[in-house]
């Protein structure tokens, strides 16, 4: 995963050569796709939490800004189709064989949105192309890591309603609790976080599943 984060940061001046030489240049902003989380609550209206859900900041940001979506680690609180799709993706990822994802994707309504790769349209080949290893196992490791964290329930009651892993994608850095900081550093390093400070939030990989169990995306972005 560290190799992939370095690749993301390269566009802002952190080069592979510098890392190979053991240097630690100051982190700079990460250049990522803009994929605003679907249906984040607006206009100061706090959405009700579903059963088993809780917000790490009591549903409100530390500065009284836009309310935070509910987050939870309770898999039983997920709709059955969401729970099933998460389990299918996770089981495929843990095999270490990226081709196992092909069956999951084929049962999806549409292929999920993935990082763009020139002249590549096959979802499995896309994931292999953006992985730090030729077999795509880095992508499988990231999928496993994020799906084993808590999730955020965004856009409740709207057409953009979504369950998003990891929940860190929906909680600004300024609102993270100490225990959530630990979760953050399970995926990225403090140096990587500095590179994301321009966005004020986690902008590494996140995975979204709709209430009907459709896998919508696995992308980086703000």
Protein backbone atom coordinates (compact mmCIF):
# COMPACT_ATOMS: atom_id res chain seq x y z
CA UNK A 1 0.00 0.00 0.00
CA UNK A 2 2.87 2.32 0.78
CA UNK A 3 4.12 1.92 -2.80
CA UNK A 4 0.75 3.02 -4.16
CA UNK A 5 0.63 6.08 -1.93
CA UNK A 6 4.10 7.06 -3.09
CA UNK A 7 2.89 6.77 -6.67
CA UNK A 8 -0.04 9.07 -5.91
CA UNK A 9 2.26 11.62 -4.33
CA UNK A 10 4.75 11.54 -7.21
CA UNK A 11 2.64 14.00 -9.21
CA UNK A 12 3.37 16.66 -6.61
CA UNK A 13 7.11 16.19 -6.55
CA UNK A 14 7.75 13.12 -4.39
CA UNK A 15 9.70 11.02 -6.90
CA UNK A 16 10.55 7.37 -6.90
CA UNK A 17 14.21 8.31 -7.09
CA UNK A 18 13.98 10.25 -3.86
CA UNK A 19 12.40 7.34 -2.08
CA UNK A 20 14.93 4.89 -3.46
CA UNK A 21 17.72 7.06 -2.09
CA UNK A 22 16.12 6.94 1.36
CA UNK A 23 15.23 10.62 1.33
CA UNK A 24 12.09 11.90 2.99
CA UNK A 25 11.05 15.08 1.12
CA UNK A 26 8.32 17.24 2.62
CA UNK A 27 4.85 15.90 1.69
CA UNK A 28 2.90 17.93 -0.80
CA UNK A 29 -0.77 17.92 -1.84
CA UNK A 30 -2.04 14.71 -3.41
CA UNK A 31 -3.43 15.09 -6.90
CA UNK A 32 -6.54 12.91 -7.05
CA UNK A 33 -9.83 12.56 -8.86
CA UNK A 34 -12.66 14.57 -7.41
CA UNK A 35 -15.35 12.11 -6.40
CA UNK A 36 -17.38 13.83 -3.73
CA UNK A 37 -19.08 11.28 -1.52
CA UNK A 38 -22.61 10.75 -2.81
CA UNK A 39 -25.31 12.49 -0.87
CA UNK A 40 -23.36 13.91 2.03
CA UNK A 41 -25.76 15.83 4.26
CA UNK A 42 -26.15 19.50 3.43
CA UNK A 43 -27.92 22.59 4.84
CA UNK A 44 -27.27 21.67 8.46
CA UNK A 45 -29.91 18.93 8.58
CA UNK A 46 -28.77 15.98 10.63
CA UNK A 47 -30.00 12.72 9.15
CA UNK A 48 -31.28 10.09 11.57
CA UNK A 49 -28.94 7.17 12.17
CA UNK A 50 -30.08 3.72 11.17
CA UNK A 51 -30.22 0.92 13.72
CA UNK A 52 -26.81 0.05 15.07
CA UNK A 53 -25.18 3.18 13.72
CA UNK A 54 -23.34 5.84 15.65
CA UNK A 55 -21.26 8.83 14.76
CA UNK A 56 -17.75 9.17 16.17
CA UNK A 57 -18.48 12.82 16.89
CA UNK A 58 -22.12 12.53 17.92
CA UNK A 59 -23.15 13.31 14.33
CA UNK A 60 -21.66 16.79 14.41
CA UNK A 61 -18.29 18.10 13.33
CA UNK A 62 -16.01 19.53 16.00
CA UNK A 63 -16.61 23.09 14.83
CA UNK A 64 -20.37 22.76 14.44
CA UNK A 65 -20.02 22.65 10.66
CA UNK A 66 -21.83 20.31 8.29
CA UNK A 67 -23.19 17.29 10.21
CA UNK A 68 -21.25 14.10 9.81
CA UNK A 69 -22.97 11.03 8.35
CA UNK A 70 -23.54 8.13 10.75
CA UNK A 71 -20.68 5.63 10.94
CA UNK A 72 -20.71 2.11 12.31
CA UNK A 73 -18.85 -1.18 12.59
CA UNK A 74 -22.09 -3.16 12.97
CA UNK A 75 -22.40 -5.40 9.91
CA UNK A 76 -25.78 -6.66 11.10
CA UNK A 77 -27.14 -3.13 10.67
CA UNK A 78 -26.39 -3.23 6.94
CA UNK A 79 -29.18 -4.06 4.49
CA UNK A 80 -28.89 -7.71 3.44
CA UNK A 81 -27.88 -6.91 -0.19
CA UNK A 82 -25.10 -4.57 1.03
CA UNK A 83 -23.85 -7.12 3.51
CA UNK A 84 -23.83 -9.81 0.80
CA UNK A 85 -21.93 -7.68 -1.73
CA UNK A 86 -19.35 -6.66 0.87
CA UNK A 87 -18.79 -10.30 1.78
CA UNK A 88 -18.44 -11.35 -1.87
CA UNK A 89 -15.84 -8.66 -2.57
CA UNK A 90 -13.96 -9.42 0.63
CA UNK A 91 -13.89 -13.18 0.04
CA UNK A 92 -12.63 -12.66 -3.53
CA UNK A 93 -9.97 -10.21 -2.37
CA UNK A 94 -8.66 -12.56 0.31
CA UNK A 95 -8.01 -15.35 -2.19
CA UNK A 96 -5.09 -13.38 -3.62
CA UNK A 97 -6.42 -14.15 -7.11
CA UNK A 98 -7.72 -10.96 -8.66
CA UNK A 99 -9.59 -12.90 -11.34
CA UNK A 100 -12.02 -13.96 -8.61
CA UNK A 101 -13.37 -10.40 -8.66
CA UNK A 102 -14.56 -10.95 -12.23
CA UNK A 103 -17.48 -13.08 -11.04
CA UNK A 104 -18.47 -10.45 -8.47
CA UNK A 105 -18.33 -7.69 -11.06
CA UNK A 106 -20.33 -9.73 -13.59
CA UNK A 107 -23.17 -10.11 -11.08
CA UNK A 108 -23.17 -6.35 -10.48
CA UNK A 109 -25.68 -4.15 -12.28
CA UNK A 110 -22.80 -2.30 -13.98
CA UNK A 111 -19.03 -2.48 -13.54
CA UNK A 112 -18.01 -0.28 -10.60
CA UNK A 113 -16.17 2.98 -11.28
CA UNK A 114 -12.42 2.35 -11.02
CA UNK A 115 -9.30 4.50 -11.50
CA UNK A 116 -9.02 5.49 -15.18
CA UNK A 117 -6.33 3.69 -17.19
CA UNK A 118 -5.68 4.63 -20.82
CA UNK A 119 -6.82 2.01 -23.33
CA UNK A 120 -7.92 -0.45 -20.62
CA UNK A 121 -11.60 -1.23 -20.09
CA UNK A 122 -11.61 -4.63 -18.39
CA UNK A 123 -12.11 -4.02 -14.64
CA UNK A 124 -9.68 -6.73 -13.54
CA UNK A 125 -7.00 -5.45 -15.90
CA UNK A 126 -7.55 -1.91 -14.64
CA UNK A 127 -6.96 -3.02 -11.07
CA UNK A 128 -3.83 -4.89 -12.10
CA UNK A 129 -2.58 -1.83 -14.01
CA UNK A 130 -2.89 0.51 -11.01
CA UNK A 131 -1.48 -1.99 -8.53
CA UNK A 132 2.10 -1.84 -7.34
CA UNK A 133 2.59 -5.49 -8.34
CA UNK A 134 1.75 -7.26 -11.62
CA UNK A 135 -0.82 -9.59 -10.08
CA UNK A 136 -2.97 -6.84 -8.57
CA UNK A 137 -2.53 -8.11 -5.03
CA UNK A 138 -1.86 -4.65 -3.65
CA UNK A 139 -5.36 -3.65 -4.76
CA UNK A 140 -6.78 -6.78 -3.13
CA UNK A 141 -4.97 -5.90 0.10
CA UNK A 142 -6.38 -2.37 0.07
CA UNK A 143 -9.91 -3.66 -0.60
CA UNK A 144 -9.60 -6.07 2.30
CA UNK A 145 -8.25 -3.39 4.63
CA UNK A 146 -10.96 -0.83 3.92
CA UNK A 147 -13.83 -3.36 4.00
CA UNK A 148 -12.74 -4.60 7.41
CA UNK A 149 -13.05 -1.08 8.85
CA UNK A 150 -16.22 0.74 9.83
CA UNK A 151 -18.45 2.28 7.19
CA UNK A 152 -20.23 5.60 6.70
CA UNK A 153 -23.89 5.79 5.69
CA UNK A 154 -24.20 8.80 3.40
CA UNK A 155 -27.08 10.46 1.57
CA UNK A 156 -29.73 8.79 3.74
CA UNK A 157 -33.15 8.98 2.13
CA UNK A 158 -31.82 10.37 -1.16
CA UNK A 159 -31.20 8.73 -4.56
CA UNK A 160 -27.46 8.98 -3.77
CA UNK A 161 -27.68 6.93 -0.58
CA UNK A 162 -24.48 4.91 -0.12
CA UNK A 163 -22.52 2.77 2.32
CA UNK A 164 -18.88 3.83 2.10
CA UNK A 165 -15.76 2.05 3.37
CA UNK A 166 -13.67 3.14 5.16
CA UNK A 167 -15.73 5.58 7.23
CA UNK A 168 -12.59 7.77 7.29
CA UNK A 169 -13.58 9.07 3.86
CA UNK A 170 -16.54 10.86 5.46
CA UNK A 171 -14.85 12.30 8.57
CA UNK A 172 -12.64 15.40 8.18
CA UNK A 173 -9.21 15.17 9.79
CA UNK A 174 -10.18 17.87 12.29
CA UNK A 175 -13.01 15.67 13.60
CA UNK A 176 -11.08 12.42 14.04
CA UNK A 177 -10.93 11.05 17.56
CA UNK A 178 -7.69 9.47 18.86
CA UNK A 179 -8.98 5.95 18.16
CA UNK A 180 -9.97 6.99 14.63
CA UNK A 181 -6.47 8.37 14.12
CA UNK A 182 -5.23 4.84 14.82
CA UNK A 183 -7.58 3.52 12.13
CA UNK A 184 -6.26 6.15 9.72
CA UNK A 185 -2.66 5.06 10.26
CA UNK A 186 -3.60 1.47 9.53
CA UNK A 187 -3.97 2.59 5.91
CA UNK A 188 -1.69 5.61 5.48
CA UNK A 189 1.38 7.05 7.21
CA UNK A 190 1.65 10.43 8.98
CA UNK A 191 3.66 11.68 6.01
CA UNK A 192 0.89 10.63 3.63
CA UNK A 193 -1.58 12.48 5.81
CA UNK A 194 0.44 15.67 5.46
CA UNK A 195 0.11 15.31 1.71
CA UNK A 196 -3.67 15.14 2.11
CA UNK A 197 -3.98 18.15 4.41
CA UNK A 198 -4.82 20.39 1.44
CA UNK A 199 -8.09 18.43 1.22
CA UNK A 200 -8.50 18.19 5.00
CA UNK A 201 -9.59 14.57 4.75
CA UNK A 202 -8.66 11.05 3.74
CA UNK A 203 -8.45 10.85 -0.07
CA UNK A 204 -7.03 7.37 -0.54
CA UNK A 205 -9.09 4.42 -1.76
CA UNK A 206 -12.72 4.09 -0.69
CA UNK A 207 -15.40 1.62 -1.78
CA UNK A 208 -19.11 2.39 -2.13
CA UNK A 209 -22.10 0.04 -2.19
CA UNK A 210 -25.69 1.20 -2.68
CA UNK A 211 -28.58 0.08 -0.42
CA UNK A 212 -29.64 -2.36 -3.15
CA UNK A 213 -26.25 -4.09 -3.03
CA UNK A 214 -24.84 -2.56 -6.22
CA UNK A 215 -21.08 -1.95 -6.01
CA UNK A 216 -20.68 1.62 -7.29
CA UNK A 217 -16.99 2.52 -6.99
CA UNK A 218 -13.50 1.77 -5.77
CA UNK A 219 -11.62 5.02 -6.23
CA UNK A 220 -9.32 7.58 -4.73
CA UNK A 221 -10.42 11.18 -4.56
CA UNK A 222 -11.78 13.94 -2.41
